[in-house]
Amino acid sequence: MSVTREEVKHIALLSRLELTEEEMDRYAEQLSAILDYAAKLNELDTAGVEPLFHAVPVENVFRPDVPGKPIPLESALQNSARTKDAFFEVPKVADGS
């Protein structure tokens, strides 16, 4: 797949980059080479490959989610800058309208 200078210019505009004429030519060539290489991967026969296949076994290392004793309310609120009743009090960020 060939990337044109105009496409590079458009990408640079979207990215807010100023590129010289020389850089646009170089990036067009480099991006074309990258896309050509990626297109070669579509030629591979992946019919027998399972999705998310890994070369080594992968297993979940998280502990089981077991309910425990809740934190006392006073402990949960003790480091808060402001509280109101049994809640954290935070600055208003929206007017709700």
PDB file of N, CA and C in Angstrom:
ATOM      1  N   MET A   1       0.852  -1.173   0.000  1.00  0.00           N
ATOM      2  CA  MET A   1       0.000   0.000   0.000  1.00  0.00           C
ATOM      3  C   MET A   1       0.900   1.238   0.000  1.00  0.00           C
ATOM      4  N   SER A   2       0.602   2.142  -0.859  1.00  0.00           N
ATOM      5  CA  SER A   2       1.439   3.321  -0.994  1.00  0.00           C
ATOM      6  C   SER A   2       0.789   4.516  -0.294  1.00  0.00           C
ATOM      7  N   VAL A   3       1.548   5.176   0.539  1.00  0.00           N
ATOM      8  CA  VAL A   3       1.086   6.379   1.223  1.00  0.00           C
ATOM      9  C   VAL A   3       1.592   7.575   0.422  1.00  0.00           C
ATOM     10  N   THR A   4       0.695   8.478   0.077  1.00  0.00           N
ATOM     11  CA  THR A   4       1.082   9.638  -0.727  1.00  0.00           C
ATOM     12  C   THR A   4       1.570  10.774   0.169  1.00  0.00           C
ATOM     13  N   ARG A   5       2.231  11.734  -0.460  1.00  0.00           N
ATOM     14  CA  ARG A   5       2.690  12.927   0.266  1.00  0.00           C
ATOM     15  C   ARG A   5       1.489  13.688   0.820  1.00  0.00           C
ATOM     16  N   GLU A   6       0.385  13.699   0.066  1.00  0.00           N
ATOM     17  CA  GLU A   6      -0.817  14.408   0.522  1.00  0.00           C
ATOM     18  C   GLU A   6      -1.388  13.755   1.779  1.00  0.00           C
ATOM     19  N   GLU A   7      -1.335  12.431   1.845  1.00  0.00           N
ATOM     20  CA  GLU A   7      -1.801  11.736   3.046  1.00  0.00           C
ATOM     21  C   GLU A   7      -0.897  12.051   4.236  1.00  0.00           C
ATOM     22  N   VAL A   8       0.405  12.083   4.008  1.00  0.00           N
ATOM     23  CA  VAL A   8       1.351  12.441   5.076  1.00  0.00           C
ATOM     24  C   VAL A   8       1.084  13.866   5.528  1.00  0.00           C
ATOM     25  N   LYS A   9       0.836  14.764   4.576  1.00  0.00           N
ATOM     26  CA  LYS A   9       0.554  16.162   4.894  1.00  0.00           C
ATOM     27  C   LYS A   9      -0.716  16.271   5.741  1.00  0.00           C
ATOM     28  N   HIS A  10      -1.729  15.481   5.382  1.00  0.00           N
ATOM     29  CA  HIS A  10      -2.987  15.481   6.143  1.00  0.00           C
ATOM     30  C   HIS A  10      -2.777  14.935   7.557  1.00  0.00           C
ATOM     31  N   ILE A  11      -2.037  13.854   7.678  1.00  0.00           N
ATOM     32  CA  ILE A  11      -1.736  13.275   8.999  1.00  0.00           C
ATOM     33  C   ILE A  11      -0.951  14.272   9.841  1.00  0.00           C
ATOM     34  N   ALA A  12       0.007  14.956   9.222  1.00  0.00           N
ATOM     35  CA  ALA A  12       0.789  15.963   9.945  1.00  0.00           C
ATOM     36  C   ALA A  12      -0.106  17.095  10.425  1.00  0.00           C
ATOM     37  N   LEU A  13      -1.056  17.516   9.599  1.00  0.00           N
ATOM     38  CA  LEU A  13      -1.992  18.572   9.990  1.00  0.00           C
ATOM     39  C   LEU A  13      -2.823  18.127  11.191  1.00  0.00           C
ATOM     40  N   LEU A  14      -3.350  16.905  11.143  1.00  0.00           N
ATOM     41  CA  LEU A  14      -4.151  16.376  12.250  1.00  0.00           C
ATOM     42  C   LEU A  14      -3.326  16.242  13.525  1.00  0.00           C
ATOM     43  N   SER A  15      -2.039  15.947  13.361  1.00  0.00           N
ATOM     44  CA  SER A  15      -1.139  15.765  14.502  1.00  0.00           C
ATOM     45  C   SER A  15      -0.494  17.069  14.950  1.00  0.00           C
ATOM     46  N   ARG A  16      -0.805  18.140  14.246  1.00  0.00           N
ATOM     47  CA  ARG A  16      -0.230  19.458  14.541  1.00  0.00           C
ATOM     48  C   ARG A  16       1.296  19.433  14.441  1.00  0.00           C
ATOM     49  N   LEU A  17       1.793  18.790  13.368  1.00  0.00           N
ATOM     50  CA  LEU A  17       3.235  18.708  13.128  1.00  0.00           C
ATOM     51  C   LEU A  17       3.590  19.540  11.899  1.00  0.00           C
ATOM     52  N   GLU A  18       4.689  20.224  11.973  1.00  0.00           N
ATOM     53  CA  GLU A  18       5.213  20.936  10.812  1.00  0.00           C
ATOM     54  C   GLU A  18       6.322  20.081  10.216  1.00  0.00           C
ATOM     55  N   LEU A  19       6.116  19.649   8.972  1.00  0.00           N
ATOM     56  CA  LEU A  19       7.099  18.800   8.306  1.00  0.00           C
ATOM     57  C   LEU A  19       7.663  19.528   7.101  1.00  0.00           C
ATOM     58  N   THR A  20       8.930  19.318   6.864  1.00  0.00           N
ATOM     59  CA  THR A  20       9.558  19.859   5.662  1.00  0.00           C
ATOM     60  C   THR A  20       9.176  18.967   4.485  1.00  0.00           C
ATOM     61  N   GLU A  21       9.432  19.444   3.282  1.00  0.00           N
ATOM     62  CA  GLU A  21       9.154  18.660   2.077  1.00  0.00           C
ATOM     63  C   GLU A  21       9.952  17.352   2.108  1.00  0.00           C
ATOM     64  N   GLU A  22      11.190  17.444   2.558  1.00  0.00           N
ATOM     65  CA  GLU A  22      12.054  16.268   2.644  1.00  0.00           C
ATOM     66  C   GLU A  22      11.480  15.243   3.640  1.00  0.00           C
ATOM     67  N   GLU A  23      10.996  15.730   4.781  1.00  0.00           N
ATOM     68  CA  GLU A  23      10.415  14.828   5.787  1.00  0.00           C
ATOM     69  C   GLU A  23       9.146  14.167   5.258  1.00  0.00           C
ATOM     70  N   MET A  24       8.327  14.909   4.517  1.00  0.00           N
ATOM     71  CA  MET A  24       7.100  14.324   3.964  1.00  0.00           C
ATOM     72  C   MET A  24       7.430  13.180   3.008  1.00  0.00           C
ATOM     73  N   ASP A  25       8.450  13.380   2.182  1.00  0.00           N
ATOM     74  CA  ASP A  25       8.863  12.304   1.263  1.00  0.00           C
ATOM     75  C   ASP A  25       9.364  11.091   2.035  1.00  0.00           C
ATOM     76  N   ARG A  26      10.208  11.338   3.050  1.00  0.00           N
ATOM     77  CA  ARG A  26      10.777  10.241   3.838  1.00  0.00           C
ATOM     78  C   ARG A  26       9.686   9.489   4.596  1.00  0.00           C
ATOM     79  N   TYR A  27       8.746  10.228   5.224  1.00  0.00           N
ATOM     80  CA  TYR A  27       7.687   9.568   5.982  1.00  0.00           C
ATOM     81  C   TYR A  27       6.730   8.815   5.067  1.00  0.00           C
ATOM     82  N   ALA A  28       6.466   9.338   3.890  1.00  0.00           N
ATOM     83  CA  ALA A  28       5.609   8.629   2.935  1.00  0.00           C
ATOM     84  C   ALA A  28       6.235   7.287   2.578  1.00  0.00           C
ATOM     85  N   GLU A  29       7.542   7.292   2.345  1.00  0.00           N
ATOM     86  CA  GLU A  29       8.251   6.057   2.020  1.00  0.00           C
ATOM     87  C   GLU A  29       8.249   5.083   3.197  1.00  0.00           C
ATOM     88  N   GLN A  30       8.525   5.592   4.393  1.00  0.00           N
ATOM     89  CA  GLN A  30       8.583   4.729   5.575  1.00  0.00           C
ATOM     90  C   GLN A  30       7.212   4.155   5.928  1.00  0.00           C
ATOM     91  N   LEU A  31       6.177   4.994   5.880  1.00  0.00           N
ATOM     92  CA  LEU A  31       4.826   4.501   6.188  1.00  0.00           C
ATOM     93  C   LEU A  31       4.360   3.477   5.155  1.00  0.00           C
ATOM     94  N   SER A  32       4.708   3.687   3.904  1.00  0.00           N
ATOM     95  CA  SER A  32       4.371   2.716   2.857  1.00  0.00           C
ATOM     96  C   SER A  32       5.031   1.372   3.135  1.00  0.00           C
ATOM     97  N   ALA A  33       6.298   1.398   3.544  1.00  0.00           N
ATOM     98  CA  ALA A  33       7.013   0.158   3.846  1.00  0.00           C
ATOM     99  C   ALA A  33       6.378  -0.567   5.032  1.00  0.00           C
ATOM    100  N   ILE A  34       5.981   0.180   6.035  1.00  0.00           N
ATOM    101  CA  ILE A  34       5.339  -0.424   7.219  1.00  0.00           C
ATOM    102  C   ILE A  34       4.016  -1.074   6.825  1.00  0.00           C
ATOM    103  N   LEU A  35       3.204  -0.367   6.050  1.00  0.00           N
ATOM    104  CA  LEU A  35       1.901  -0.915   5.643  1.00  0.00           C
ATOM    105  C   LEU A  35       2.060  -2.106   4.702  1.00  0.00           C
ATOM    106  N   ASP A  36       3.071  -2.076   3.843  1.00  0.00           N
ATOM    107  CA  ASP A  36       3.337  -3.224   2.965  1.00  0.00           C
ATOM    108  C   ASP A  36       3.713  -4.458   3.791  1.00  0.00           C
ATOM    109  N   TYR A  37       4.528  -4.259   4.808  1.00  0.00           N
ATOM    110  CA  TYR A  37       4.917  -5.371   5.672  1.00  0.00           C
ATOM    111  C   TYR A  37       3.703  -5.912   6.415  1.00  0.00           C
ATOM    112  N   ALA A  38       2.864  -5.015   6.947  1.00  0.00           N
ATOM    113  CA  ALA A  38       1.659  -5.454   7.665  1.00  0.00           C
ATOM    114  C   ALA A  38       0.718  -6.208   6.722  1.00  0.00           C
ATOM    115  N   ALA A  39       0.647  -5.803   5.458  1.00  0.00           N
ATOM    116  CA  ALA A  39      -0.211  -6.480   4.485  1.00  0.00           C
ATOM    117  C   ALA A  39       0.260  -7.910   4.244  1.00  0.00           C
ATOM    118  N   LYS A  40       1.564  -8.146   4.348  1.00  0.00           N
ATOM    119  CA  LYS A  40       2.089  -9.507   4.172  1.00  0.00           C
ATOM    120  C   LYS A  40       1.541 -10.453   5.237  1.00  0.00           C
ATOM    121  N   LEU A  41       1.244  -9.921   6.416  1.00  0.00           N
ATOM    122  CA  LEU A  41       0.706 -10.768   7.477  1.00  0.00           C
ATOM    123  C   LEU A  41      -0.667 -11.325   7.097  1.00  0.00           C
ATOM    124  N   ASN A  42      -1.403 -10.611   6.252  1.00  0.00           N
ATOM    125  CA  ASN A  42      -2.712 -11.100   5.804  1.00  0.00           C
ATOM    126  C   ASN A  42      -2.586 -12.330   4.914  1.00  0.00           C
ATOM    127  N   GLU A  43      -1.398 -12.576   4.382  1.00  0.00           N
ATOM    128  CA  GLU A  43      -1.176 -13.738   3.527  1.00  0.00           C
ATOM    129  C   GLU A  43      -0.995 -15.025   4.331  1.00  0.00           C
ATOM    130  N   LEU A  44      -0.763 -14.910   5.630  1.00  0.00           N
ATOM    131  CA  LEU A  44      -0.534 -16.091   6.461  1.00  0.00           C
ATOM    132  C   LEU A  44      -1.814 -16.878   6.656  1.00  0.00           C
ATOM    133  N   ASP A  45      -1.683 -18.204   6.671  1.00  0.00           N
ATOM    134  CA  ASP A  45      -2.822 -19.075   6.930  1.00  0.00           C
ATOM    135  C   ASP A  45      -2.977 -19.208   8.448  1.00  0.00           C
ATOM    136  N   THR A  46      -4.008 -18.602   8.989  1.00  0.00           N
ATOM    137  CA  THR A  46      -4.239 -18.643  10.435  1.00  0.00           C
ATOM    138  C   THR A  46      -5.478 -19.464  10.785  1.00  0.00           C
ATOM    139  N   ALA A  47      -5.889 -20.327   9.871  1.00  0.00           N
ATOM    140  CA  ALA A  47      -7.114 -21.105  10.083  1.00  0.00           C
ATOM    141  C   ALA A  47      -7.033 -21.971  11.342  1.00  0.00           C
ATOM    142  N   GLY A  48      -5.870 -22.539  11.651  1.00  0.00           N
ATOM    143  CA  GLY A  48      -5.757 -23.427  12.805  1.00  0.00           C
ATOM    144  C   GLY A  48      -5.259 -22.753  14.072  1.00  0.00           C
ATOM    145  N   VAL A  49      -5.117 -21.447  14.041  1.00  0.00           N
ATOM    146  CA  VAL A  49      -4.594 -20.725  15.197  1.00  0.00           C
ATOM    147  C   VAL A  49      -5.758 -20.228  16.048  1.00  0.00           C
ATOM    148  N   GLU A  50      -5.725 -20.595  17.325  1.00  0.00           N
ATOM    149  CA  GLU A  50      -6.791 -20.157  18.223  1.00  0.00           C
ATOM    150  C   GLU A  50      -6.624 -18.675  18.550  1.00  0.00           C
ATOM    151  N   PRO A  51      -7.729 -17.977  18.732  1.00  0.00           N
ATOM    152  CA  PRO A  51      -7.620 -16.566  19.139  1.00  0.00           C
ATOM    153  C   PRO A  51      -6.887 -16.456  20.470  1.00  0.00           C
ATOM    154  N   LEU A  52      -6.103 -15.405  20.620  1.00  0.00           N
ATOM    155  CA  LEU A  52      -5.339 -15.130  21.834  1.00  0.00           C
ATOM    156  C   LEU A  52      -4.371 -16.256  22.176  1.00  0.00           C
ATOM    157  N   PHE A  53      -3.810 -16.915  21.187  1.00  0.00           N
ATOM    158  CA  PHE A  53      -2.850 -17.981  21.398  1.00  0.00           C
ATOM    159  C   PHE A  53      -1.563 -17.391  21.957  1.00  0.00           C
ATOM    160  N   HIS A  54      -1.000 -18.044  22.959  1.00  0.00           N
ATOM    161  CA  HIS A  54       0.265 -17.616  23.546  1.00  0.00           C
ATOM    162  C   HIS A  54       1.272 -18.754  23.449  1.00  0.00           C
ATOM    163  N   ALA A  55       2.514 -18.389  23.309  1.00  0.00           N
ATOM    164  CA  ALA A  55       3.568 -19.391  23.201  1.00  0.00           C
ATOM    165  C   ALA A  55       3.792 -20.112  24.521  1.00  0.00           C
ATOM    166  N   VAL A  56       3.490 -19.448  25.630  1.00  0.00           N
ATOM    167  CA  VAL A  56       3.632 -20.053  26.954  1.00  0.00           C
ATOM    168  C   VAL A  56       2.278 -20.028  27.649  1.00  0.00           C
ATOM    169  N   PRO A  57       2.036 -20.961  28.549  1.00  0.00           N
ATOM    170  CA  PRO A  57       0.748 -20.972  29.243  1.00  0.00           C
ATOM    171  C   PRO A  57       0.546 -19.693  30.066  1.00  0.00           C
ATOM    172  N   VAL A  58      -0.668 -19.181  30.024  1.00  0.00           N
ATOM    173  CA  VAL A  58      -1.004 -17.978  30.772  1.00  0.00           C
ATOM    174  C   VAL A  58      -2.119 -18.342  31.740  1.00  0.00           C
ATOM    175  N   GLU A  59      -1.937 -17.943  32.986  1.00  0.00           N
ATOM    176  CA  GLU A  59      -2.989 -18.214  33.957  1.00  0.00           C
ATOM    177  C   GLU A  59      -3.212 -16.983  34.814  1.00  0.00           C
ATOM    178  N   ASN A  60      -4.400 -16.866  35.318  1.00  0.00           N
ATOM    179  CA  ASN A  60      -4.768 -15.734  36.150  1.00  0.00           C
ATOM    180  C   ASN A  60      -4.026 -15.833  37.483  1.00  0.00           C
ATOM    181  N   VAL A  61      -3.402 -14.733  37.892  1.00  0.00           N
ATOM    182  CA  VAL A  61      -2.640 -14.738  39.140  1.00  0.00           C
ATOM    183  C   VAL A  61      -3.359 -13.961  40.249  1.00  0.00           C
ATOM    184  N   PHE A  62      -4.595 -13.559  39.994  1.00  0.00           N
ATOM    185  CA  PHE A  62      -5.339 -12.824  41.003  1.00  0.00           C
ATOM    186  C   PHE A  62      -5.866 -13.756  42.082  1.00  0.00           C
ATOM    187  N   ARG A  63      -6.005 -13.220  43.261  1.00  0.00           N
ATOM    188  CA  ARG A  63      -6.558 -14.011  44.357  1.00  0.00           C
ATOM    189  C   ARG A  63      -8.070 -14.116  44.181  1.00  0.00           C
ATOM    190  N   PRO A  64      -8.704 -15.079  44.812  1.00  0.00           N
ATOM    191  CA  PRO A  64     -10.165 -15.180  44.731  1.00  0.00           C
ATOM    192  C   PRO A  64     -10.810 -13.955  45.389  1.00  0.00           C
ATOM    193  N   ASP A  65     -11.938 -13.536  44.877  1.00  0.00           N
ATOM    194  CA  ASP A  65     -12.670 -12.401  45.431  1.00  0.00           C
ATOM    195  C   ASP A  65     -13.555 -12.915  46.559  1.00  0.00           C
ATOM    196  N   VAL A  66     -13.052 -12.766  47.774  1.00  0.00           N
ATOM    197  CA  VAL A  66     -13.770 -13.269  48.946  1.00  0.00           C
ATOM    198  C   VAL A  66     -14.183 -12.071  49.804  1.00  0.00           C
ATOM    199  N   PRO A  67     -15.473 -11.949  50.104  1.00  0.00           N
ATOM    200  CA  PRO A  67     -15.888 -10.828  50.946  1.00  0.00           C
ATOM    201  C   PRO A  67     -15.250 -10.920  52.327  1.00  0.00           C
ATOM    202  N   GLY A  68     -14.862  -9.766  52.845  1.00  0.00           N
ATOM    203  CA  GLY A  68     -14.253  -9.724  54.169  1.00  0.00           C
ATOM    204  C   GLY A  68     -14.993  -8.746  55.063  1.00  0.00           C
ATOM    205  N   LYS A  69     -14.402  -8.478  56.195  1.00  0.00           N
ATOM    206  CA  LYS A  69     -14.987  -7.560  57.153  1.00  0.00           C
ATOM    207  C   LYS A  69     -14.854  -6.124  56.613  1.00  0.00           C
ATOM    208  N   PRO A  70     -15.921  -5.333  56.597  1.00  0.00           N
ATOM    209  CA  PRO A  70     -15.833  -3.974  56.075  1.00  0.00           C
ATOM    210  C   PRO A  70     -15.002  -3.061  56.980  1.00  0.00           C
ATOM    211  N   ILE A  71     -14.453  -1.999  56.388  1.00  0.00           N
ATOM    212  CA  ILE A  71     -13.686  -1.010  57.138  1.00  0.00           C
ATOM    213  C   ILE A  71     -14.669  -0.178  57.961  1.00  0.00           C
ATOM    214  N   PRO A  72     -14.355   0.100  59.210  1.00  0.00           N
ATOM    215  CA  PRO A  72     -15.244   0.959  59.996  1.00  0.00           C
ATOM    216  C   PRO A  72     -15.370   2.348  59.347  1.00  0.00           C
ATOM    217  N   LEU A  73     -16.540   2.942  59.417  1.00  0.00           N
ATOM    218  CA  LEU A  73     -16.812   4.227  58.795  1.00  0.00           C
ATOM    219  C   LEU A  73     -15.807   5.293  59.224  1.00  0.00           C
ATOM    220  N   GLU A  74     -15.484   5.339  60.485  1.00  0.00           N
ATOM    221  CA  GLU A  74     -14.548   6.343  60.991  1.00  0.00           C
ATOM    222  C   GLU A  74     -13.168   6.188  60.337  1.00  0.00           C
ATOM    223  N   SER A  75     -12.733   4.964  60.156  1.00  0.00           N
ATOM    224  CA  SER A  75     -11.436   4.707  59.528  1.00  0.00           C
ATOM    225  C   SER A  75     -11.449   5.124  58.060  1.00  0.00           C
ATOM    226  N   ALA A  76     -12.550   4.853  57.384  1.00  0.00           N
ATOM    227  CA  ALA A  76     -12.653   5.192  55.968  1.00  0.00           C
ATOM    228  C   ALA A  76     -12.624   6.704  55.762  1.00  0.00           C
ATOM    229  N   LEU A  77     -13.226   7.461  56.669  1.00  0.00           N
ATOM    230  CA  LEU A  77     -13.333   8.910  56.510  1.00  0.00           C
ATOM    231  C   LEU A  77     -12.225   9.699  57.193  1.00  0.00           C
ATOM    232  N   GLN A  78     -11.367   9.051  57.961  1.00  0.00           N
ATOM    233  CA  GLN A  78     -10.413   9.766  58.806  1.00  0.00           C
ATOM    234  C   GLN A  78      -9.409  10.635  58.041  1.00  0.00           C
ATOM    235  N   ASN A  79      -9.033  10.275  56.825  1.00  0.00           N
ATOM    236  CA  ASN A  79      -8.050  11.063  56.066  1.00  0.00           C
ATOM    237  C   ASN A  79      -8.691  12.029  55.078  1.00  0.00           C
ATOM    238  N   SER A  80      -9.999  12.123  55.085  1.00  0.00           N
ATOM    239  CA  SER A  80     -10.681  13.021  54.173  1.00  0.00           C
ATOM    240  C   SER A  80     -10.547  14.467  54.649  1.00  0.00           C
ATOM    241  N   ALA A  81     -10.368  15.382  53.698  1.00  0.00           N
ATOM    242  CA  ALA A  81     -10.271  16.802  54.048  1.00  0.00           C
ATOM    243  C   ALA A  81     -11.596  17.314  54.609  1.00  0.00           C
ATOM    244  N   ARG A  82     -12.709  16.859  54.010  1.00  0.00           N
ATOM    245  CA  ARG A  82     -14.030  17.284  54.489  1.00  0.00           C
ATOM    246  C   ARG A  82     -15.003  16.122  54.409  1.00  0.00           C
ATOM    247  N   THR A  83     -15.849  16.031  55.410  1.00  0.00           N
ATOM    248  CA  THR A  83     -16.905  15.025  55.414  1.00  0.00           C
ATOM    249  C   THR A  83     -18.217  15.690  55.798  1.00  0.00           C
ATOM    250  N   LYS A  84     -19.293  15.053  55.415  1.00  0.00           N
ATOM    251  CA  LYS A  84     -20.626  15.510  55.814  1.00  0.00           C
ATOM    252  C   LYS A  84     -21.423  14.266  56.144  1.00  0.00           C
ATOM    253  N   ASP A  85     -21.824  14.170  57.399  1.00  0.00           N
ATOM    254  CA  ASP A  85     -22.501  12.975  57.912  1.00  0.00           C
ATOM    255  C   ASP A  85     -21.592  11.769  57.666  1.00  0.00           C
ATOM    256  N   ALA A  86     -22.065  10.783  56.908  1.00  0.00           N
ATOM    257  CA  ALA A  86     -21.268   9.572  56.680  1.00  0.00           C
ATOM    258  C   ALA A  86     -20.700   9.543  55.261  1.00  0.00           C
ATOM    259  N   PHE A  87     -20.423  10.734  54.686  1.00  0.00           N
ATOM    260  CA  PHE A  87     -19.985  10.804  53.301  1.00  0.00           C
ATOM    261  C   PHE A  87     -18.745  11.681  53.150  1.00  0.00           C
ATOM    262  N   PHE A  88     -17.981  11.445  52.072  1.00  0.00           N
ATOM    263  CA  PHE A  88     -16.910  12.346  51.688  1.00  0.00           C
ATOM    264  C   PHE A  88     -17.568  13.589  51.097  1.00  0.00           C
ATOM    265  N   GLU A  89     -17.065  14.770  51.440  1.00  0.00           N
ATOM    266  CA  GLU A  89     -17.586  15.995  50.841  1.00  0.00           C
ATOM    267  C   GLU A  89     -16.543  16.510  49.855  1.00  0.00           C
ATOM    268  N   VAL A  90     -16.987  16.731  48.619  1.00  0.00           N
ATOM    269  CA  VAL A  90     -16.082  17.152  47.566  1.00  0.00           C
ATOM    270  C   VAL A  90     -16.629  18.422  46.911  1.00  0.00           C
ATOM    271  N   PRO A  91     -15.762  19.196  46.266  1.00  0.00           N
ATOM    272  CA  PRO A  91     -16.226  20.405  45.591  1.00  0.00           C
ATOM    273  C   PRO A  91     -17.190  20.075  44.456  1.00  0.00           C
ATOM    274  N   LYS A  92     -18.159  20.950  44.258  1.00  0.00           N
ATOM    275  CA  LYS A  92     -19.134  20.786  43.181  1.00  0.00           C
ATOM    276  C   LYS A  92     -18.436  21.027  41.847  1.00  0.00           C
ATOM    277  N   VAL A  93     -18.635  20.124  40.894  1.00  0.00           N
ATOM    278  CA  VAL A  93     -17.989  20.271  39.584  1.00  0.00           C
ATOM    279  C   VAL A  93     -19.020  20.431  38.462  1.00  0.00           C
ATOM    280  N   ALA A  94     -20.285  20.248  38.743  1.00  0.00           N
ATOM    281  CA  ALA A  94     -21.327  20.410  37.749  1.00  0.00           C
ATOM    282  C   ALA A  94     -22.541  21.055  38.407  1.00  0.00           C
ATOM    283  N   ASP A  95     -23.302  21.806  37.618  1.00  0.00           N
ATOM    284  CA  ASP A  95     -24.450  22.480  38.204  1.00  0.00           C
ATOM    285  C   ASP A  95     -25.720  21.651  38.120  1.00  0.00           C
ATOM    286  N   GLY A  96     -25.695  20.518  37.411  1.00  0.00           N
ATOM    287  CA  GLY A  96     -26.835  19.601  37.363  1.00  0.00           C
ATOM    288  C   GLY A  96     -27.930  20.034  36.410  1.00  0.00           C
ATOM    289  N   SER A  97     -27.737  21.086  35.646  1.00  0.00           N
ATOM    290  CA  SER A  97     -28.803  21.495  34.719  1.00  0.00           C
ATOM    291  C   SER A  97     -28.553  21.017  33.308  1.00  0.00           C
TER     292      SER A  97
END
